């Protein structure tokens, strides 16, 4: 029986998000855990970028999955599952900011940060851990919308069409906003690094 269960689990892992959603629509929620495991990290990251508070971000990510489970019928397959689901996360996070006016100075050094994005010359010879720290700190200083756009574009490497669908921002404006956010991010890093590098070199 253990082998059969293992095979079944392995097969389920290969099922697409849309197939799993279709199963949920029929009342079969056996694959729900797979969806959660696939998308919980990035759902948290999106919420955290907007809320700048890990506890609230965890609650929003949890609530978004609950809404996914209860609102599966609303997914019509007209876009990618991730586009539809991440928009749910974004809307719930924005709704919470309106209720709680959260303000923080720094972002925690999290494995869900934008550690992979290293196209800034200011990073020089910094190792991965230091790059993660400085980049997350710079991202935390952006406005809510800018943090979200940088996260979607660089961390999840989404196409412009997907980001447009999630944010409902016109593509031409989206390109401008991402360009400006990147410039602000680079400027923030440039101001941060010269003084702080002296203490770690």
C-alpha atoms as a PDB file:
ATOM      1  CA  UNK A   1       0.000   0.000   0.000  1.00  0.00           C
ATOM      2  CA  UNK A   2       2.872   2.357   0.752  1.00  0.00           C
ATOM      3  CA  UNK A   3       4.257   1.923  -2.747  1.00  0.00           C
ATOM      4  CA  UNK A   4       0.840   2.574  -4.277  1.00  0.00           C
ATOM      5  CA  UNK A   5       0.463   5.702  -2.183  1.00  0.00           C
ATOM      6  CA  UNK A   6       3.924   6.855  -3.250  1.00  0.00           C
ATOM      7  CA  UNK A   7       3.111   6.384  -6.903  1.00  0.00           C
ATOM      8  CA  UNK A   8      -0.177   8.205  -6.480  1.00  0.00           C
ATOM      9  CA  UNK A   9       1.551  11.144  -4.791  1.00  0.00           C
ATOM     10  CA  UNK A  10       4.171  11.291  -7.519  1.00  0.00           C
ATOM     11  CA  UNK A  11       1.488  11.297 -10.206  1.00  0.00           C
ATOM     12  CA  UNK A  12      -0.418  14.060  -8.438  1.00  0.00           C
ATOM     13  CA  UNK A  13       2.696  16.208  -8.357  1.00  0.00           C
ATOM     14  CA  UNK A  14       2.767  16.188 -12.170  1.00  0.00           C
ATOM     15  CA  UNK A  15      -0.828  17.372 -12.500  1.00  0.00           C
ATOM     16  CA  UNK A  16      -1.118  20.954 -13.706  1.00  0.00           C
ATOM     17  CA  UNK A  17      -2.576  23.765 -11.605  1.00  0.00           C
ATOM     18  CA  UNK A  18      -5.595  23.999 -13.894  1.00  0.00           C
ATOM     19  CA  UNK A  19      -6.301  20.270 -13.574  1.00  0.00           C
ATOM     20  CA  UNK A  20      -6.138  20.566  -9.800  1.00  0.00           C
ATOM     21  CA  UNK A  21      -8.533  23.529  -9.852  1.00  0.00           C
ATOM     22  CA  UNK A  22     -10.921  21.550 -12.044  1.00  0.00           C
ATOM     23  CA  UNK A  23     -10.847  18.738  -9.480  1.00  0.00           C
ATOM     24  CA  UNK A  24     -11.613  21.202  -6.676  1.00  0.00           C
ATOM     25  CA  UNK A  25     -14.595  22.485  -8.670  1.00  0.00           C
ATOM     26  CA  UNK A  26     -16.039  18.956  -8.638  1.00  0.00           C
ATOM     27  CA  UNK A  27     -15.640  18.739  -4.857  1.00  0.00           C
ATOM     28  CA  UNK A  28     -12.416  16.707  -4.909  1.00  0.00           C
ATOM     29  CA  UNK A  29      -9.974  18.680  -2.754  1.00  0.00           C
ATOM     30  CA  UNK A  30      -7.332  15.961  -2.508  1.00  0.00           C
ATOM     31  CA  UNK A  31      -4.957  18.027  -4.649  1.00  0.00           C
ATOM     32  CA  UNK A  32      -5.414  21.259  -2.718  1.00  0.00           C
ATOM     33  CA  UNK A  33      -2.326  20.608  -0.612  1.00  0.00           C
ATOM     34  CA  UNK A  34      -0.260  20.346  -3.796  1.00  0.00           C
ATOM     35  CA  UNK A  35      -1.429  23.792  -4.902  1.00  0.00           C
ATOM     36  CA  UNK A  36      -0.574  25.194  -1.493  1.00  0.00           C
ATOM     37  CA  UNK A  37       2.925  23.689  -1.536  1.00  0.00           C
ATOM     38  CA  UNK A  38       3.557  24.940  -5.063  1.00  0.00           C
ATOM     39  CA  UNK A  39       2.555  28.527  -4.452  1.00  0.00           C
ATOM     40  CA  UNK A  40       2.756  29.290  -0.722  1.00  0.00           C
ATOM     41  CA  UNK A  41       6.255  30.794  -0.834  1.00  0.00           C
ATOM     42  CA  UNK A  42       5.517  33.285  -3.577  1.00  0.00           C
ATOM     43  CA  UNK A  43       2.060  34.078  -2.197  1.00  0.00           C
ATOM     44  CA  UNK A  44       3.798  35.011   1.056  1.00  0.00           C
ATOM     45  CA  UNK A  45       6.415  37.045  -0.817  1.00  0.00           C
ATOM     46  CA  UNK A  46       3.806  39.101  -2.670  1.00  0.00           C
ATOM     47  CA  UNK A  47       1.906  39.791   0.549  1.00  0.00           C
ATOM     48  CA  UNK A  48       5.100  40.619   2.437  1.00  0.00           C
ATOM     49  CA  UNK A  49       6.245  43.062  -0.243  1.00  0.00           C
ATOM     50  CA  UNK A  50       2.982  44.959   0.133  1.00  0.00           C
ATOM     51  CA  UNK A  51       2.468  44.674   3.888  1.00  0.00           C
ATOM     52  CA  UNK A  52       6.096  44.747   5.082  1.00  0.00           C
ATOM     53  CA  UNK A  53       5.044  42.585   8.017  1.00  0.00           C
ATOM     54  CA  UNK A  54       5.684  38.837   8.077  1.00  0.00           C
ATOM     55  CA  UNK A  55       2.867  37.893  10.458  1.00  0.00           C
ATOM     56  CA  UNK A  56       0.273  39.783   8.413  1.00  0.00           C
ATOM     57  CA  UNK A  57       1.730  38.383   5.187  1.00  0.00           C
ATOM     58  CA  UNK A  58       1.369  34.824   6.480  1.00  0.00           C
ATOM     59  CA  UNK A  59      -2.260  35.485   7.406  1.00  0.00           C
ATOM     60  CA  UNK A  60      -3.015  37.010   4.001  1.00  0.00           C
ATOM     61  CA  UNK A  61      -1.378  34.079   2.193  1.00  0.00           C
ATOM     62  CA  UNK A  62      -3.407  31.641   4.326  1.00  0.00           C
ATOM     63  CA  UNK A  63      -6.643  33.567   3.710  1.00  0.00           C
ATOM     64  CA  UNK A  64      -5.913  33.695  -0.021  1.00  0.00           C
ATOM     65  CA  UNK A  65      -5.701  29.900  -0.169  1.00  0.00           C
ATOM     66  CA  UNK A  66      -8.953  29.634   1.755  1.00  0.00           C
ATOM     67  CA  UNK A  67     -10.552  31.973  -0.775  1.00  0.00           C
ATOM     68  CA  UNK A  68      -9.067  29.884  -3.585  1.00  0.00           C
ATOM     69  CA  UNK A  69     -10.740  26.813  -2.128  1.00  0.00           C
ATOM     70  CA  UNK A  70     -14.123  28.490  -1.754  1.00  0.00           C
ATOM     71  CA  UNK A  71     -14.018  30.469  -4.997  1.00  0.00           C
ATOM     72  CA  UNK A  72     -12.547  27.920  -7.401  1.00  0.00           C
ATOM     73  CA  UNK A  73     -15.640  28.187  -9.616  1.00  0.00           C
ATOM     74  CA  UNK A  74     -14.705  31.775 -10.395  1.00  0.00           C
ATOM     75  CA  UNK A  75     -11.574  30.645 -12.210  1.00  0.00           C
ATOM     76  CA  UNK A  76     -12.634  30.380 -15.854  1.00  0.00           C
ATOM     77  CA  UNK A  77      -9.273  29.466 -17.321  1.00  0.00           C
ATOM     78  CA  UNK A  78      -9.031  32.703 -19.299  1.00  0.00           C
ATOM     79  CA  UNK A  79      -5.601  33.372 -17.796  1.00  0.00           C
ATOM     80  CA  UNK A  80      -2.881  31.353 -16.101  1.00  0.00           C
ATOM     81  CA  UNK A  81      -3.795  30.030 -12.675  1.00  0.00           C
ATOM     82  CA  UNK A  82      -0.913  31.929 -11.092  1.00  0.00           C
ATOM     83  CA  UNK A  83      -2.110  35.201 -12.645  1.00  0.00           C
ATOM     84  CA  UNK A  84      -5.576  34.681 -11.180  1.00  0.00           C
ATOM     85  CA  UNK A  85      -4.358  33.525  -7.780  1.00  0.00           C
ATOM     86  CA  UNK A  86      -1.642  36.146  -7.310  1.00  0.00           C
ATOM     87  CA  UNK A  87      -4.215  38.838  -8.029  1.00  0.00           C
ATOM     88  CA  UNK A  88      -6.286  37.438  -5.146  1.00  0.00           C
ATOM     89  CA  UNK A  89      -3.227  37.660  -2.883  1.00  0.00           C
ATOM     90  CA  UNK A  90      -2.446  41.200  -4.043  1.00  0.00           C
ATOM     91  CA  UNK A  91      -6.005  42.455  -3.507  1.00  0.00           C
ATOM     92  CA  UNK A  92      -6.220  40.919  -0.036  1.00  0.00           C
ATOM     93  CA  UNK A  93      -2.870  42.411   0.965  1.00  0.00           C
ATOM     94  CA  UNK A  94      -3.816  45.860  -0.321  1.00  0.00           C
ATOM     95  CA  UNK A  95      -7.132  45.618   1.505  1.00  0.00           C
ATOM     96  CA  UNK A  96      -5.290  44.889   4.741  1.00  0.00           C
ATOM     97  CA  UNK A  97      -2.937  47.859   4.317  1.00  0.00           C
ATOM     98  CA  UNK A  98      -5.958  50.121   4.089  1.00  0.00           C
ATOM     99  CA  UNK A  99      -7.215  48.753   7.385  1.00  0.00           C
ATOM    100  CA  UNK A 100      -3.929  48.728   9.211  1.00  0.00           C
ATOM    101  CA  UNK A 101      -1.618  51.494   7.891  1.00  0.00           C
ATOM    102  CA  UNK A 102       1.441  49.365   8.616  1.00  0.00           C
ATOM    103  CA  UNK A 103       4.792  51.155   8.582  1.00  0.00           C
ATOM    104  CA  UNK A 104       8.209  49.506   8.932  1.00  0.00           C
ATOM    105  CA  UNK A 105      11.794  50.651   8.486  1.00  0.00           C
ATOM    106  CA  UNK A 106      13.459  47.460   7.245  1.00  0.00           C
ATOM    107  CA  UNK A 107      12.531  44.180   5.632  1.00  0.00           C
ATOM    108  CA  UNK A 108      13.652  40.931   7.201  1.00  0.00           C
ATOM    109  CA  UNK A 109      16.381  38.995   5.476  1.00  0.00           C
ATOM    110  CA  UNK A 110      14.149  36.305   4.011  1.00  0.00           C
ATOM    111  CA  UNK A 111      14.896  33.417   1.623  1.00  0.00           C
ATOM    112  CA  UNK A 112      11.981  34.771  -0.380  1.00  0.00           C
ATOM    113  CA  UNK A 113      13.877  37.975  -1.172  1.00  0.00           C
ATOM    114  CA  UNK A 114      15.135  38.993  -4.596  1.00  0.00           C
ATOM    115  CA  UNK A 115      18.497  37.329  -4.111  1.00  0.00           C
ATOM    116  CA  UNK A 116      18.737  36.196  -7.713  1.00  0.00           C
ATOM    117  CA  UNK A 117      18.525  39.689  -9.161  1.00  0.00           C
ATOM    118  CA  UNK A 118      22.134  40.918  -9.281  1.00  0.00           C
ATOM    119  CA  UNK A 119      22.365  43.224 -12.296  1.00  0.00           C
ATOM    120  CA  UNK A 120      23.413  46.241 -10.227  1.00  0.00           C
ATOM    121  CA  UNK A 121      27.081  47.208 -10.460  1.00  0.00           C
ATOM    122  CA  UNK A 122      26.920  48.443  -6.872  1.00  0.00           C
ATOM    123  CA  UNK A 123      26.980  44.856  -5.649  1.00  0.00           C
ATOM    124  CA  UNK A 124      30.602  44.503  -6.678  1.00  0.00           C
ATOM    125  CA  UNK A 125      32.129  41.450  -5.035  1.00  0.00           C
ATOM    126  CA  UNK A 126      29.484  41.001  -2.346  1.00  0.00           C
ATOM    127  CA  UNK A 127      28.516  37.427  -1.593  1.00  0.00           C
ATOM    128  CA  UNK A 128      24.976  36.112  -1.982  1.00  0.00           C
ATOM    129  CA  UNK A 129      23.993  36.700   1.652  1.00  0.00           C
ATOM    130  CA  UNK A 130      25.125  40.341   1.583  1.00  0.00           C
ATOM    131  CA  UNK A 131      23.448  40.921  -1.802  1.00  0.00           C
ATOM    132  CA  UNK A 132      20.207  39.555  -0.375  1.00  0.00           C
ATOM    133  CA  UNK A 133      20.443  41.829   2.668  1.00  0.00           C
ATOM    134  CA  UNK A 134      21.132  45.038   0.764  1.00  0.00           C
ATOM    135  CA  UNK A 135      18.677  44.343  -2.031  1.00  0.00           C
ATOM    136  CA  UNK A 136      15.838  43.490   0.348  1.00  0.00           C
ATOM    137  CA  UNK A 137      16.615  46.604   2.370  1.00  0.00           C
ATOM    138  CA  UNK A 138      16.503  48.743  -0.787  1.00  0.00           C
ATOM    139  CA  UNK A 139      13.253  47.128  -1.929  1.00  0.00           C
ATOM    140  CA  UNK A 140      11.676  47.890   1.448  1.00  0.00           C
ATOM    141  CA  UNK A 141      12.185  51.604   0.778  1.00  0.00           C
ATOM    142  CA  UNK A 142      10.096  51.575  -2.386  1.00  0.00           C
ATOM    143  CA  UNK A 143       6.410  52.430  -2.437  1.00  0.00           C
ATOM    144  CA  UNK A 144       3.910  49.558  -2.126  1.00  0.00           C
ATOM    145  CA  UNK A 145       3.176  49.382  -5.847  1.00  0.00           C
ATOM    146  CA  UNK A 146       6.866  49.559  -6.771  1.00  0.00           C
ATOM    147  CA  UNK A 147       7.757  46.713  -4.389  1.00  0.00           C
ATOM    148  CA  UNK A 148       5.051  44.569  -5.937  1.00  0.00           C
ATOM    149  CA  UNK A 149       6.149  45.279  -9.523  1.00  0.00           C
ATOM    150  CA  UNK A 150       9.817  44.605  -8.772  1.00  0.00           C
ATOM    151  CA  UNK A 151       8.853  41.335  -7.077  1.00  0.00           C
ATOM    152  CA  UNK A 152       6.659  40.114  -9.925  1.00  0.00           C
ATOM    153  CA  UNK A 153       9.055  41.154 -12.694  1.00  0.00           C
ATOM    154  CA  UNK A 154      12.373  40.074 -11.224  1.00  0.00           C
ATOM    155  CA  UNK A 155      11.682  37.419  -8.597  1.00  0.00           C
ATOM    156  CA  UNK A 156       8.977  35.485 -10.433  1.00  0.00           C
ATOM    157  CA  UNK A 157      10.185  36.629 -13.887  1.00  0.00           C
ATOM    158  CA  UNK A 158       6.632  37.212 -15.099  1.00  0.00           C
ATOM    159  CA  UNK A 159       5.878  38.479 -18.576  1.00  0.00           C
ATOM    160  CA  UNK A 160       4.434  41.970 -18.969  1.00  0.00           C
ATOM    161  CA  UNK A 161       1.074  40.507 -20.053  1.00  0.00           C
ATOM    162  CA  UNK A 162       0.793  38.559 -16.787  1.00  0.00           C
ATOM    163  CA  UNK A 163       1.759  41.529 -14.625  1.00  0.00           C
ATOM    164  CA  UNK A 164      -0.741  43.685 -16.502  1.00  0.00           C
ATOM    165  CA  UNK A 165      -3.485  41.130 -15.790  1.00  0.00           C
ATOM    166  CA  UNK A 166      -2.606  40.932 -12.101  1.00  0.00           C
ATOM    167  CA  UNK A 167      -2.196  44.655 -11.448  1.00  0.00           C
ATOM    168  CA  UNK A 168      -4.648  45.993 -14.057  1.00  0.00           C
ATOM    169  CA  UNK A 169      -2.043  48.584 -15.050  1.00  0.00           C
ATOM    170  CA  UNK A 170      -1.853  49.418 -18.759  1.00  0.00           C
ATOM    171  CA  UNK A 171       1.239  47.814 -20.326  1.00  0.00           C
ATOM    172  CA  UNK A 172       2.762  51.114 -21.496  1.00  0.00           C
ATOM    173  CA  UNK A 173       2.404  52.574 -18.010  1.00  0.00           C
ATOM    174  CA  UNK A 174       3.641  49.319 -16.523  1.00  0.00           C
ATOM    175  CA  UNK A 175       6.936  49.541 -18.408  1.00  0.00           C
ATOM    176  CA  UNK A 176       7.447  53.095 -17.209  1.00  0.00           C
ATOM    177  CA  UNK A 177       6.614  52.189 -13.609  1.00  0.00           C
ATOM    178  CA  UNK A 178       9.003  49.200 -13.595  1.00  0.00           C
ATOM    179  CA  UNK A 179      11.757  51.310 -15.166  1.00  0.00           C
ATOM    180  CA  UNK A 180      11.299  54.019 -12.532  1.00  0.00           C
ATOM    181  CA  UNK A 181      11.163  51.476  -9.714  1.00  0.00           C
ATOM    182  CA  UNK A 182      14.399  49.907 -10.943  1.00  0.00           C
ATOM    183  CA  UNK A 183      16.071  53.332 -11.111  1.00  0.00           C
ATOM    184  CA  UNK A 184      14.960  54.119  -7.560  1.00  0.00           C
ATOM    185  CA  UNK A 185      16.196  50.723  -6.411  1.00  0.00           C
ATOM    186  CA  UNK A 186      19.608  51.312  -7.987  1.00  0.00           C
ATOM    187  CA  UNK A 187      19.801  54.815  -6.496  1.00  0.00           C
ATOM    188  CA  UNK A 188      18.930  53.476  -3.056  1.00  0.00           C
ATOM    189  CA  UNK A 189      21.627  50.827  -3.308  1.00  0.00           C
ATOM    190  CA  UNK A 190      24.151  53.402  -4.478  1.00  0.00           C
ATOM    191  CA  UNK A 191      23.448  55.571  -1.411  1.00  0.00           C
ATOM    192  CA  UNK A 192      23.466  52.625   0.954  1.00  0.00           C
ATOM    193  CA  UNK A 193      26.523  50.697  -0.078  1.00  0.00           C
ATOM    194  CA  UNK A 194      29.444  53.189   0.030  1.00  0.00           C
ATOM    195  CA  UNK A 195      29.034  53.889   3.755  1.00  0.00           C
ATOM    196  CA  UNK A 196      27.942  50.419   4.827  1.00  0.00           C
ATOM    197  CA  UNK A 197      30.575  48.596   2.792  1.00  0.00           C
ATOM    198  CA  UNK A 198      33.325  50.219   4.838  1.00  0.00           C
ATOM    199  CA  UNK A 199      32.103  48.400   7.927  1.00  0.00           C
ATOM    200  CA  UNK A 200      32.066  44.959   6.356  1.00  0.00           C
ATOM    201  CA  UNK A 201      35.151  45.021   4.144  1.00  0.00           C
END
